[in-house]
């Protein structure tokens, strides 16, 4: 039902639609970063996928939302003096985040249904598009699972669930861009096959996602506030007492803010090496644009990471750091696709 012969398909139109979706995912990554940094993520304490699109419209409705927020630990332990105006400010970012998520779902699902009904999806791509749609739906569930972790005992969300939420969004972004690139190639050559994922690309993508996970841990644990100096952490490469002796190596690497910040600082350079390796391989295939973009974005990402620390996690700088990571992932995806296409 989701695919037809190549003569009746519209790979170029579908590719353009997917790139619009990718741009929207990039936007929600930015809004998600702001939501996290402004501590807004727990302001909406209920998950109403349909009715939740309507914000509070009366004073009574605002007071009811605020009353729900007052019941959770974040309010009672941290924000007990918050006014209704202050609550409205944090509510805005979480509401915008959720509205964007719903909008992305509609912008993906409705055109997909249109292309399917008109039998314009190329052979072999129907299942892939449905898989991306399913991944997006899963992302909504993961988002609520993340928020729920901060509603009863914690004063913030689980950093592990935050990392899962971010990685799922970025995996959806990469899959969407890759599929768009395959469809653009199919538009130019109706015999073009989907590009394979080569070993150099697999390594680059894996180390990038590991670094993104560490970044999410850093954000979720507020580890960026631990030390605002660079390259030293205070007056040492690793601060005395920073290692929790009663914890395992694994737990220190996941739950100890100081250790997480330390690892995130220095694995950045290992990730940079792997990404530059892919950039060089990509440049040898002909087009140098994706390779140059990777190198530029890698340098910028490291500089933004340092600036995030040294400005005390200033919101504008920290959000730029997160958005640049998403842009870097797009550049890596394009370069990986280019390497795959030129090697088969």
C-alpha atoms as a PDB file:
ATOM      1  CA  UNK A   1       0.000   0.000   0.000  1.00  0.00           C
ATOM      2  CA  UNK A   2       2.887   2.353   0.721  1.00  0.00           C
ATOM      3  CA  UNK A   3       4.838   1.959  -2.502  1.00  0.00           C
ATOM      4  CA  UNK A   4       4.394   1.807  -6.273  1.00  0.00           C
ATOM      5  CA  UNK A   5       6.396   1.503  -9.467  1.00  0.00           C
ATOM      6  CA  UNK A   6       9.131   4.048 -10.024  1.00  0.00           C
ATOM      7  CA  UNK A   7       7.327   5.717 -12.942  1.00  0.00           C
ATOM      8  CA  UNK A   8       4.496   6.955 -10.693  1.00  0.00           C
ATOM      9  CA  UNK A   9       6.584   7.922  -7.676  1.00  0.00           C
ATOM     10  CA  UNK A  10       7.797  11.332  -6.533  1.00  0.00           C
ATOM     11  CA  UNK A  11      11.168  10.848  -4.807  1.00  0.00           C
ATOM     12  CA  UNK A  12      12.161  14.512  -5.122  1.00  0.00           C
ATOM     13  CA  UNK A  13       8.956  15.783  -3.496  1.00  0.00           C
ATOM     14  CA  UNK A  14       9.268  13.259  -0.675  1.00  0.00           C
ATOM     15  CA  UNK A  15      12.916  14.208  -0.157  1.00  0.00           C
ATOM     16  CA  UNK A  16      12.017  17.905   0.125  1.00  0.00           C
ATOM     17  CA  UNK A  17       9.246  17.088   2.598  1.00  0.00           C
ATOM     18  CA  UNK A  18      11.686  15.066   4.717  1.00  0.00           C
ATOM     19  CA  UNK A  19      14.176  17.945   4.760  1.00  0.00           C
ATOM     20  CA  UNK A  20      11.410  20.221   6.088  1.00  0.00           C
ATOM     21  CA  UNK A  21      10.778  17.659   8.839  1.00  0.00           C
ATOM     22  CA  UNK A  22      14.529  17.559   9.578  1.00  0.00           C
ATOM     23  CA  UNK A  23      14.552  21.362   9.962  1.00  0.00           C
ATOM     24  CA  UNK A  24      11.661  21.096  12.413  1.00  0.00           C
ATOM     25  CA  UNK A  25      13.512  18.446  14.422  1.00  0.00           C
ATOM     26  CA  UNK A  26      16.491  20.790  14.574  1.00  0.00           C
ATOM     27  CA  UNK A  27      14.160  23.503  15.917  1.00  0.00           C
ATOM     28  CA  UNK A  28      12.733  21.256  18.617  1.00  0.00           C
ATOM     29  CA  UNK A  29      16.253  20.264  19.693  1.00  0.00           C
ATOM     30  CA  UNK A  30      16.947  23.962  20.252  1.00  0.00           C
ATOM     31  CA  UNK A  31      13.701  24.477  22.178  1.00  0.00           C
ATOM     32  CA  UNK A  32      14.396  21.319  24.184  1.00  0.00           C
ATOM     33  CA  UNK A  33      17.771  22.741  25.183  1.00  0.00           C
ATOM     34  CA  UNK A  34      16.175  25.981  26.342  1.00  0.00           C
ATOM     35  CA  UNK A  35      13.509  24.016  28.219  1.00  0.00           C
ATOM     36  CA  UNK A  36      16.162  22.077  30.083  1.00  0.00           C
ATOM     37  CA  UNK A  37      18.386  25.069  30.850  1.00  0.00           C
ATOM     38  CA  UNK A  38      15.493  27.183  32.137  1.00  0.00           C
ATOM     39  CA  UNK A  39      14.328  24.292  34.352  1.00  0.00           C
ATOM     40  CA  UNK A  40      10.969  24.378  32.571  1.00  0.00           C
ATOM     41  CA  UNK A  41      10.529  20.686  31.800  1.00  0.00           C
ATOM     42  CA  UNK A  42       8.440  19.799  34.849  1.00  0.00           C
ATOM     43  CA  UNK A  43       6.030  22.733  34.610  1.00  0.00           C
ATOM     44  CA  UNK A  44       3.368  20.604  32.875  1.00  0.00           C
ATOM     45  CA  UNK A  45       2.682  17.638  35.122  1.00  0.00           C
ATOM     46  CA  UNK A  46       0.198  15.769  32.929  1.00  0.00           C
ATOM     47  CA  UNK A  47       0.440  14.110  29.543  1.00  0.00           C
ATOM     48  CA  UNK A  48      -2.572  14.884  27.375  1.00  0.00           C
ATOM     49  CA  UNK A  49      -1.511  14.157  23.783  1.00  0.00           C
ATOM     50  CA  UNK A  50      -4.688  15.642  22.262  1.00  0.00           C
ATOM     51  CA  UNK A  51      -6.356  18.016  24.728  1.00  0.00           C
ATOM     52  CA  UNK A  52      -2.958  19.264  25.894  1.00  0.00           C
ATOM     53  CA  UNK A  53      -2.631  21.322  22.719  1.00  0.00           C
ATOM     54  CA  UNK A  54      -4.928  23.914  24.325  1.00  0.00           C
ATOM     55  CA  UNK A  55      -3.081  26.052  26.911  1.00  0.00           C
ATOM     56  CA  UNK A  56      -4.745  27.542  30.005  1.00  0.00           C
ATOM     57  CA  UNK A  57      -7.053  30.330  28.793  1.00  0.00           C
ATOM     58  CA  UNK A  58      -8.554  31.660  32.019  1.00  0.00           C
ATOM     59  CA  UNK A  59      -7.225  32.674  35.405  1.00  0.00           C
ATOM     60  CA  UNK A  60      -8.882  29.615  36.956  1.00  0.00           C
ATOM     61  CA  UNK A  61      -7.175  27.293  34.468  1.00  0.00           C
ATOM     62  CA  UNK A  62      -3.790  28.904  35.153  1.00  0.00           C
ATOM     63  CA  UNK A  63      -4.308  28.518  38.886  1.00  0.00           C
ATOM     64  CA  UNK A  64      -5.204  24.840  38.374  1.00  0.00           C
ATOM     65  CA  UNK A  65      -2.010  24.219  36.371  1.00  0.00           C
ATOM     66  CA  UNK A  66       0.024  26.066  38.985  1.00  0.00           C
ATOM     67  CA  UNK A  67      -1.619  23.998  41.743  1.00  0.00           C
ATOM     68  CA  UNK A  68      -0.531  20.802  39.952  1.00  0.00           C
ATOM     69  CA  UNK A  69       3.035  22.109  39.775  1.00  0.00           C
ATOM     70  CA  UNK A  70       2.995  22.991  43.490  1.00  0.00           C
ATOM     71  CA  UNK A  71       2.499  19.308  44.322  1.00  0.00           C
ATOM     72  CA  UNK A  72       5.828  18.118  42.894  1.00  0.00           C
ATOM     73  CA  UNK A  73       9.223  18.146  44.679  1.00  0.00           C
ATOM     74  CA  UNK A  74      10.767  20.725  42.329  1.00  0.00           C
ATOM     75  CA  UNK A  75       8.333  23.341  43.604  1.00  0.00           C
ATOM     76  CA  UNK A  76       8.307  22.360  47.278  1.00  0.00           C
ATOM     77  CA  UNK A  77      12.100  22.015  47.547  1.00  0.00           C
ATOM     78  CA  UNK A  78      13.409  24.599  45.057  1.00  0.00           C
ATOM     79  CA  UNK A  79      10.742  26.996  43.767  1.00  0.00           C
ATOM     80  CA  UNK A  80       8.410  27.391  46.740  1.00  0.00           C
ATOM     81  CA  UNK A  81       8.428  31.176  46.409  1.00  0.00           C
ATOM     82  CA  UNK A  82       7.555  31.197  42.712  1.00  0.00           C
ATOM     83  CA  UNK A  83       4.794  33.538  41.577  1.00  0.00           C
ATOM     84  CA  UNK A  84       2.172  32.749  38.966  1.00  0.00           C
ATOM     85  CA  UNK A  85       4.059  35.008  36.537  1.00  0.00           C
ATOM     86  CA  UNK A  86       7.229  32.992  37.125  1.00  0.00           C
ATOM     87  CA  UNK A  87       5.295  29.771  36.548  1.00  0.00           C
ATOM     88  CA  UNK A  88       3.893  31.112  33.275  1.00  0.00           C
ATOM     89  CA  UNK A  89       7.452  31.805  32.087  1.00  0.00           C
ATOM     90  CA  UNK A  90       8.608  28.212  32.563  1.00  0.00           C
ATOM     91  CA  UNK A  91       5.266  26.835  31.359  1.00  0.00           C
ATOM     92  CA  UNK A  92       5.802  28.642  28.033  1.00  0.00           C
ATOM     93  CA  UNK A  93       8.936  26.684  27.087  1.00  0.00           C
ATOM     94  CA  UNK A  94       7.570  23.266  28.004  1.00  0.00           C
ATOM     95  CA  UNK A  95       4.299  24.057  26.226  1.00  0.00           C
ATOM     96  CA  UNK A  96       6.158  25.238  23.105  1.00  0.00           C
ATOM     97  CA  UNK A  97       8.264  22.064  23.201  1.00  0.00           C
ATOM     98  CA  UNK A  98       5.172  19.866  23.316  1.00  0.00           C
ATOM     99  CA  UNK A  99       3.326  21.838  20.623  1.00  0.00           C
ATOM    100  CA  UNK A 100       6.332  21.544  18.302  1.00  0.00           C
ATOM    101  CA  UNK A 101       6.412  17.787  18.922  1.00  0.00           C
ATOM    102  CA  UNK A 102       2.749  17.466  17.956  1.00  0.00           C
ATOM    103  CA  UNK A 103       3.282  19.692  14.909  1.00  0.00           C
ATOM    104  CA  UNK A 104       6.216  17.565  13.726  1.00  0.00           C
ATOM    105  CA  UNK A 105       4.049  14.471  14.104  1.00  0.00           C
ATOM    106  CA  UNK A 106       1.324  16.020  11.943  1.00  0.00           C
ATOM    107  CA  UNK A 107       3.780  17.346   9.338  1.00  0.00           C
ATOM    108  CA  UNK A 108       5.201  13.842   9.033  1.00  0.00           C
ATOM    109  CA  UNK A 109       2.061  11.701   9.271  1.00  0.00           C
ATOM    110  CA  UNK A 110      -0.327  13.639   7.020  1.00  0.00           C
ATOM    111  CA  UNK A 111       1.978  13.957   3.967  1.00  0.00           C
ATOM    112  CA  UNK A 112       3.027  10.327   4.451  1.00  0.00           C
ATOM    113  CA  UNK A 113      -0.626   9.318   4.247  1.00  0.00           C
ATOM    114  CA  UNK A 114      -1.074  11.558   1.175  1.00  0.00           C
ATOM    115  CA  UNK A 115       1.887  10.031  -0.663  1.00  0.00           C
ATOM    116  CA  UNK A 116       0.768   6.522   0.324  1.00  0.00           C
ATOM    117  CA  UNK A 117      -2.843   6.962  -0.838  1.00  0.00           C
ATOM    118  CA  UNK A 118      -1.625   8.388  -4.152  1.00  0.00           C
ATOM    119  CA  UNK A 119       0.861   5.509  -4.431  1.00  0.00           C
ATOM    120  CA  UNK A 120       3.802   7.869  -4.929  1.00  0.00           C
ATOM    121  CA  UNK A 121       6.291   6.319  -2.497  1.00  0.00           C
ATOM    122  CA  UNK A 122       9.145   4.527  -4.305  1.00  0.00           C
ATOM    123  CA  UNK A 123       9.525   0.810  -3.863  1.00  0.00           C
ATOM    124  CA  UNK A 124      11.453  -0.087  -0.717  1.00  0.00           C
ATOM    125  CA  UNK A 125      10.858   3.227   1.070  1.00  0.00           C
ATOM    126  CA  UNK A 126       7.402   2.697   2.543  1.00  0.00           C
ATOM    127  CA  UNK A 127       8.576   0.638   5.481  1.00  0.00           C
ATOM    128  CA  UNK A 128      11.446   2.999   6.156  1.00  0.00           C
ATOM    129  CA  UNK A 129       9.116   5.998   6.324  1.00  0.00           C
ATOM    130  CA  UNK A 130       6.730   4.132   8.620  1.00  0.00           C
ATOM    131  CA  UNK A 131       9.706   3.222  10.826  1.00  0.00           C
ATOM    132  CA  UNK A 132      10.675   6.910  11.106  1.00  0.00           C
ATOM    133  CA  UNK A 133       7.059   7.746  11.994  1.00  0.00           C
ATOM    134  CA  UNK A 134       7.097   5.021  14.676  1.00  0.00           C
ATOM    135  CA  UNK A 135      10.372   6.365  16.042  1.00  0.00           C
ATOM    136  CA  UNK A 136       8.792   9.804  16.314  1.00  0.00           C
ATOM    137  CA  UNK A 137       5.799   8.363  18.170  1.00  0.00           C
ATOM    138  CA  UNK A 138       8.168   6.516  20.492  1.00  0.00           C
ATOM    139  CA  UNK A 139       9.941   9.818  21.128  1.00  0.00           C
ATOM    140  CA  UNK A 140       6.722  11.270  22.532  1.00  0.00           C
ATOM    141  CA  UNK A 141       6.390   8.338  24.916  1.00  0.00           C
ATOM    142  CA  UNK A 142      10.038   8.675  25.956  1.00  0.00           C
ATOM    143  CA  UNK A 143       9.471  12.379  26.585  1.00  0.00           C
ATOM    144  CA  UNK A 144       6.679  11.654  29.050  1.00  0.00           C
ATOM    145  CA  UNK A 145       8.709   8.807  30.617  1.00  0.00           C
ATOM    146  CA  UNK A 146      11.467  11.379  31.158  1.00  0.00           C
ATOM    147  CA  UNK A 147       9.166  14.011  32.679  1.00  0.00           C
ATOM    148  CA  UNK A 148       7.500  11.424  34.908  1.00  0.00           C
ATOM    149  CA  UNK A 149      10.869  10.662  36.545  1.00  0.00           C
ATOM    150  CA  UNK A 150      10.841  14.144  38.113  1.00  0.00           C
ATOM    151  CA  UNK A 151       7.269  14.284  39.397  1.00  0.00           C
ATOM    152  CA  UNK A 152       7.394  12.264  42.600  1.00  0.00           C
ATOM    153  CA  UNK A 153      10.745  11.876  44.387  1.00  0.00           C
ATOM    154  CA  UNK A 154      13.303  13.810  42.326  1.00  0.00           C
ATOM    155  CA  UNK A 155      13.558  17.565  41.830  1.00  0.00           C
ATOM    156  CA  UNK A 156      14.625  17.085  38.205  1.00  0.00           C
ATOM    157  CA  UNK A 157      14.348  14.484  35.479  1.00  0.00           C
ATOM    158  CA  UNK A 158      16.599  11.439  35.238  1.00  0.00           C
ATOM    159  CA  UNK A 159      19.719  12.277  33.237  1.00  0.00           C
ATOM    160  CA  UNK A 160      19.622   8.771  31.747  1.00  0.00           C
ATOM    161  CA  UNK A 161      16.083   9.339  30.492  1.00  0.00           C
ATOM    162  CA  UNK A 162      17.102  12.804  29.258  1.00  0.00           C
ATOM    163  CA  UNK A 163      19.936  11.213  27.257  1.00  0.00           C
ATOM    164  CA  UNK A 164      17.519   8.623  25.835  1.00  0.00           C
ATOM    165  CA  UNK A 165      15.137  11.412  24.805  1.00  0.00           C
ATOM    166  CA  UNK A 166      17.867  13.430  23.076  1.00  0.00           C
ATOM    167  CA  UNK A 167      19.491  10.458  21.353  1.00  0.00           C
ATOM    168  CA  UNK A 168      16.149   9.246  20.008  1.00  0.00           C
ATOM    169  CA  UNK A 169      15.453  12.709  18.582  1.00  0.00           C
ATOM    170  CA  UNK A 170      18.858  12.875  16.925  1.00  0.00           C
ATOM    171  CA  UNK A 171      18.603   9.304  15.605  1.00  0.00           C
ATOM    172  CA  UNK A 172      15.283  10.325  14.033  1.00  0.00           C
ATOM    173  CA  UNK A 173      16.991  13.393  12.570  1.00  0.00           C
ATOM    174  CA  UNK A 174      19.817  11.313  11.069  1.00  0.00           C
ATOM    175  CA  UNK A 175      17.411   8.718   9.664  1.00  0.00           C
ATOM    176  CA  UNK A 176      15.248  11.419   8.117  1.00  0.00           C
ATOM    177  CA  UNK A 177      18.211  13.143   6.454  1.00  0.00           C
ATOM    178  CA  UNK A 178      19.682   9.845   5.213  1.00  0.00           C
ATOM    179  CA  UNK A 179      16.362   8.820   3.660  1.00  0.00           C
ATOM    180  CA  UNK A 180      16.018  12.242   1.999  1.00  0.00           C
ATOM    181  CA  UNK A 181      19.495  11.836   0.498  1.00  0.00           C
ATOM    182  CA  UNK A 182      18.653   8.366  -0.825  1.00  0.00           C
ATOM    183  CA  UNK A 183      15.498   9.759  -2.429  1.00  0.00           C
ATOM    184  CA  UNK A 184      17.357  12.682  -3.992  1.00  0.00           C
ATOM    185  CA  UNK A 185      19.773  10.175  -5.540  1.00  0.00           C
ATOM    186  CA  UNK A 186      16.812   8.160  -6.792  1.00  0.00           C
ATOM    187  CA  UNK A 187      15.345  11.297  -8.368  1.00  0.00           C
ATOM    188  CA  UNK A 188      18.585  11.839 -10.326  1.00  0.00           C
ATOM    189  CA  UNK A 189      18.963   8.175 -11.264  1.00  0.00           C
ATOM    190  CA  UNK A 190      15.929   5.888 -11.152  1.00  0.00           C
ATOM    191  CA  UNK A 191      18.238   2.877 -10.790  1.00  0.00           C
ATOM    192  CA  UNK A 192      20.050   4.294  -7.739  1.00  0.00           C
ATOM    193  CA  UNK A 193      20.119   2.009  -4.726  1.00  0.00           C
ATOM    194  CA  UNK A 194      20.103   3.161  -1.084  1.00  0.00           C
ATOM    195  CA  UNK A 195      23.604   4.070   0.083  1.00  0.00           C
ATOM    196  CA  UNK A 196      25.256   1.529   2.401  1.00  0.00           C
ATOM    197  CA  UNK A 197      26.729   2.557   5.748  1.00  0.00           C
ATOM    198  CA  UNK A 198      30.503   1.992   5.591  1.00  0.00           C
ATOM    199  CA  UNK A 199      32.771   1.149   8.528  1.00  0.00           C
ATOM    200  CA  UNK A 200      34.352   4.603   8.696  1.00  0.00           C
ATOM    201  CA  UNK A 201      30.884   6.134   8.931  1.00  0.00           C
ATOM    202  CA  UNK A 202      29.751   3.642  11.569  1.00  0.00           C
ATOM    203  CA  UNK A 203      32.741   4.497  13.756  1.00  0.00           C
ATOM    204  CA  UNK A 204      32.214   8.245  13.313  1.00  0.00           C
ATOM    205  CA  UNK A 205      28.509   8.057  14.096  1.00  0.00           C
ATOM    206  CA  UNK A 206      29.062   5.826  17.133  1.00  0.00           C
ATOM    207  CA  UNK A 207      31.650   8.098  18.736  1.00  0.00           C
ATOM    208  CA  UNK A 208      29.503  11.146  17.977  1.00  0.00           C
ATOM    209  CA  UNK A 209      26.483   9.568  19.661  1.00  0.00           C
ATOM    210  CA  UNK A 210      28.610   8.549  22.670  1.00  0.00           C
ATOM    211  CA  UNK A 211      29.731  12.166  22.990  1.00  0.00           C
ATOM    212  CA  UNK A 212      26.127  13.351  22.666  1.00  0.00           C
ATOM    213  CA  UNK A 213      25.083  10.941  25.429  1.00  0.00           C
ATOM    214  CA  UNK A 214      27.852  12.304  27.648  1.00  0.00           C
ATOM    215  CA  UNK A 215      26.661  15.812  26.850  1.00  0.00           C
ATOM    216  CA  UNK A 216      23.127  14.857  27.900  1.00  0.00           C
ATOM    217  CA  UNK A 217      24.502  13.376  31.131  1.00  0.00           C
ATOM    218  CA  UNK A 218      26.398  16.619  31.710  1.00  0.00           C
ATOM    219  CA  UNK A 219      23.217  18.643  31.223  1.00  0.00           C
ATOM    220  CA  UNK A 220      21.012  16.314  33.252  1.00  0.00           C
ATOM    221  CA  UNK A 221      23.401  16.216  36.211  1.00  0.00           C
ATOM    222  CA  UNK A 222      24.083  19.976  36.011  1.00  0.00           C
ATOM    223  CA  UNK A 223      27.703  18.858  35.680  1.00  0.00           C
ATOM    224  CA  UNK A 224      28.557  21.910  33.612  1.00  0.00           C
ATOM    225  CA  UNK A 225      28.345  23.976  36.801  1.00  0.00           C
ATOM    226  CA  UNK A 226      30.871  21.803  38.642  1.00  0.00           C
ATOM    227  CA  UNK A 227      33.924  23.630  37.250  1.00  0.00           C
ATOM    228  CA  UNK A 228      33.904  26.703  35.007  1.00  0.00           C
ATOM    229  CA  UNK A 229      37.603  26.667  34.147  1.00  0.00           C
ATOM    230  CA  UNK A 230      39.416  25.076  31.220  1.00  0.00           C
ATOM    231  CA  UNK A 231      41.621  23.108  30.562  1.00  0.00           C
ATOM    232  CA  UNK A 232      42.095  22.571  34.304  1.00  0.00           C
ATOM    233  CA  UNK A 233      39.223  21.728  36.624  1.00  0.00           C
ATOM    234  CA  UNK A 234      39.987  24.298  39.267  1.00  0.00           C
ATOM    235  CA  UNK A 235      43.721  24.037  39.816  1.00  0.00           C
ATOM    236  CA  UNK A 236      44.150  20.411  38.657  1.00  0.00           C
ATOM    237  CA  UNK A 237      43.488  18.259  35.626  1.00  0.00           C
ATOM    238  CA  UNK A 238      41.188  16.204  37.840  1.00  0.00           C
ATOM    239  CA  UNK A 239      40.160  17.677  41.195  1.00  0.00           C
ATOM    240  CA  UNK A 240      41.063  16.025  44.467  1.00  0.00           C
ATOM    241  CA  UNK A 241      38.045  14.271  45.914  1.00  0.00           C
ATOM    242  CA  UNK A 242      36.283  14.239  42.571  1.00  0.00           C
ATOM    243  CA  UNK A 243      36.157  10.453  42.456  1.00  0.00           C
ATOM    244  CA  UNK A 244      33.490   8.862  44.651  1.00  0.00           C
ATOM    245  CA  UNK A 245      35.431   6.047  46.327  1.00  0.00           C
ATOM    246  CA  UNK A 246      32.322   4.151  47.368  1.00  0.00           C
ATOM    247  CA  UNK A 247      31.009   3.871  43.822  1.00  0.00           C
ATOM    248  CA  UNK A 248      31.987   1.566  40.980  1.00  0.00           C
ATOM    249  CA  UNK A 249      33.801   2.866  37.923  1.00  0.00           C
ATOM    250  CA  UNK A 250      30.582   2.580  35.932  1.00  0.00           C
ATOM    251  CA  UNK A 251      28.522   4.495  38.447  1.00  0.00           C
ATOM    252  CA  UNK A 252      31.135   7.252  38.701  1.00  0.00           C
ATOM    253  CA  UNK A 253      31.157   7.549  34.894  1.00  0.00           C
ATOM    254  CA  UNK A 254      27.365   7.818  34.750  1.00  0.00           C
ATOM    255  CA  UNK A 255      26.225   9.478  37.990  1.00  0.00           C
ATOM    256  CA  UNK A 256      29.172  11.529  39.290  1.00  0.00           C
ATOM    257  CA  UNK A 257      28.895  15.082  37.853  1.00  0.00           C
ATOM    258  CA  UNK A 258      32.627  15.784  38.193  1.00  0.00           C
ATOM    259  CA  UNK A 259      33.652  12.570  36.455  1.00  0.00           C
ATOM    260  CA  UNK A 260      31.023  13.038  33.747  1.00  0.00           C
ATOM    261  CA  UNK A 261      32.273  16.568  33.033  1.00  0.00           C
ATOM    262  CA  UNK A 262      35.879  15.316  32.941  1.00  0.00           C
ATOM    263  CA  UNK A 263      35.048  12.494  30.494  1.00  0.00           C
ATOM    264  CA  UNK A 264      32.928  14.765  28.304  1.00  0.00           C
ATOM    265  CA  UNK A 265      35.772  17.302  28.107  1.00  0.00           C
ATOM    266  CA  UNK A 266      38.395  14.893  26.837  1.00  0.00           C
ATOM    267  CA  UNK A 267      36.420  12.378  24.772  1.00  0.00           C
ATOM    268  CA  UNK A 268      35.543  15.393  22.623  1.00  0.00           C
ATOM    269  CA  UNK A 269      38.993  15.194  21.073  1.00  0.00           C
ATOM    270  CA  UNK A 270      38.698  11.456  20.364  1.00  0.00           C
ATOM    271  CA  UNK A 271      35.336  12.151  18.713  1.00  0.00           C
ATOM    272  CA  UNK A 272      36.911  14.999  16.743  1.00  0.00           C
ATOM    273  CA  UNK A 273      39.591  12.662  15.404  1.00  0.00           C
ATOM    274  CA  UNK A 274      37.025  10.110  14.221  1.00  0.00           C
ATOM    275  CA  UNK A 275      34.887  12.792  12.597  1.00  0.00           C
ATOM    276  CA  UNK A 276      37.842  14.387  10.825  1.00  0.00           C
ATOM    277  CA  UNK A 277      38.797  10.929   9.534  1.00  0.00           C
ATOM    278  CA  UNK A 278      35.322  10.659   7.990  1.00  0.00           C
ATOM    279  CA  UNK A 279      35.631  14.214   6.645  1.00  0.00           C
ATOM    280  CA  UNK A 280      38.881  13.341   4.858  1.00  0.00           C
ATOM    281  CA  UNK A 281      37.390  10.144   3.416  1.00  0.00           C
ATOM    282  CA  UNK A 282      34.351  12.091   2.261  1.00  0.00           C
ATOM    283  CA  UNK A 283      36.488  14.764   0.579  1.00  0.00           C
ATOM    284  CA  UNK A 284      38.278  12.100  -1.461  1.00  0.00           C
ATOM    285  CA  UNK A 285      34.991  11.033  -3.075  1.00  0.00           C
ATOM    286  CA  UNK A 286      34.677  14.281  -5.021  1.00  0.00           C
ATOM    287  CA  UNK A 287      32.563  16.879  -3.238  1.00  0.00           C
ATOM    288  CA  UNK A 288      34.510  18.554  -0.438  1.00  0.00           C
ATOM    289  CA  UNK A 289      31.538  20.446   1.049  1.00  0.00           C
ATOM    290  CA  UNK A 290      30.442  17.889   3.682  1.00  0.00           C
ATOM    291  CA  UNK A 291      34.032  17.267   4.792  1.00  0.00           C
ATOM    292  CA  UNK A 292      34.724  20.980   5.187  1.00  0.00           C
ATOM    293  CA  UNK A 293      31.439  21.381   7.080  1.00  0.00           C
ATOM    294  CA  UNK A 294      32.410  18.619   9.523  1.00  0.00           C
ATOM    295  CA  UNK A 295      35.811  20.140  10.273  1.00  0.00           C
ATOM    296  CA  UNK A 296      34.325  23.620  10.741  1.00  0.00           C
ATOM    297  CA  UNK A 297      31.535  22.362  12.994  1.00  0.00           C
ATOM    298  CA  UNK A 298      33.908  20.157  15.039  1.00  0.00           C
ATOM    299  CA  UNK A 299      36.147  23.146  15.810  1.00  0.00           C
ATOM    300  CA  UNK A 300      33.116  25.295  16.609  1.00  0.00           C
ATOM    301  CA  UNK A 301      31.652  22.571  18.829  1.00  0.00           C
ATOM    302  CA  UNK A 302      34.812  22.335  20.927  1.00  0.00           C
ATOM    303  CA  UNK A 303      34.981  26.122  21.250  1.00  0.00           C
ATOM    304  CA  UNK A 304      31.304  26.288  22.231  1.00  0.00           C
ATOM    305  CA  UNK A 305      31.846  23.534  24.795  1.00  0.00           C
ATOM    306  CA  UNK A 306      34.691  25.468  26.390  1.00  0.00           C
ATOM    307  CA  UNK A 307      32.658  28.688  26.257  1.00  0.00           C
ATOM    308  CA  UNK A 308      29.696  26.925  27.893  1.00  0.00           C
ATOM    309  CA  UNK A 309      31.893  25.996  30.847  1.00  0.00           C
ATOM    310  CA  UNK A 310      33.674  29.320  31.133  1.00  0.00           C
ATOM    311  CA  UNK A 311      30.467  31.388  30.989  1.00  0.00           C
ATOM    312  CA  UNK A 312      28.920  29.344  33.788  1.00  0.00           C
ATOM    313  CA  UNK A 313      26.524  27.597  31.363  1.00  0.00           C
ATOM    314  CA  UNK A 314      25.060  30.774  29.914  1.00  0.00           C
ATOM    315  CA  UNK A 315      21.832  29.745  28.207  1.00  0.00           C
ATOM    316  CA  UNK A 316      22.551  31.218  24.764  1.00  0.00           C
ATOM    317  CA  UNK A 317      25.993  29.594  24.611  1.00  0.00           C
ATOM    318  CA  UNK A 318      24.798  26.236  25.946  1.00  0.00           C
ATOM    319  CA  UNK A 319      21.889  26.105  23.472  1.00  0.00           C
ATOM    320  CA  UNK A 320      24.265  26.985  20.634  1.00  0.00           C
ATOM    321  CA  UNK A 321      26.451  24.066  21.780  1.00  0.00           C
ATOM    322  CA  UNK A 322      23.486  21.674  21.579  1.00  0.00           C
ATOM    323  CA  UNK A 323      22.222  22.973  18.238  1.00  0.00           C
ATOM    324  CA  UNK A 324      25.712  22.813  16.769  1.00  0.00           C
ATOM    325  CA  UNK A 325      25.885  19.153  17.818  1.00  0.00           C
ATOM    326  CA  UNK A 326      22.724  18.515  15.797  1.00  0.00           C
ATOM    327  CA  UNK A 327      24.164  20.403  12.812  1.00  0.00           C
ATOM    328  CA  UNK A 328      27.342  18.349  13.142  1.00  0.00           C
ATOM    329  CA  UNK A 329      25.270  15.169  13.088  1.00  0.00           C
ATOM    330  CA  UNK A 330      23.604  16.341   9.859  1.00  0.00           C
ATOM    331  CA  UNK A 331      27.001  17.050   8.283  1.00  0.00           C
ATOM    332  CA  UNK A 332      28.294  13.638   9.392  1.00  0.00           C
ATOM    333  CA  UNK A 333      25.181  11.969   7.963  1.00  0.00           C
ATOM    334  CA  UNK A 334      25.672  13.709   4.604  1.00  0.00           C
ATOM    335  CA  UNK A 335      29.368  12.787   4.515  1.00  0.00           C
ATOM    336  CA  UNK A 336      28.636   9.176   5.510  1.00  0.00           C
ATOM    337  CA  UNK A 337      26.015   8.957   2.775  1.00  0.00           C
ATOM    338  CA  UNK A 338      28.469  10.380   0.264  1.00  0.00           C
ATOM    339  CA  UNK A 339      31.115   7.810   1.236  1.00  0.00           C
ATOM    340  CA  UNK A 340      28.544   5.022   0.962  1.00  0.00           C
ATOM    341  CA  UNK A 341      27.319   6.062  -2.471  1.00  0.00           C
ATOM    342  CA  UNK A 342      30.771   6.519  -3.962  1.00  0.00           C
ATOM    343  CA  UNK A 343      31.999   3.136  -2.715  1.00  0.00           C
ATOM    344  CA  UNK A 344      29.349   0.886  -4.264  1.00  0.00           C
END
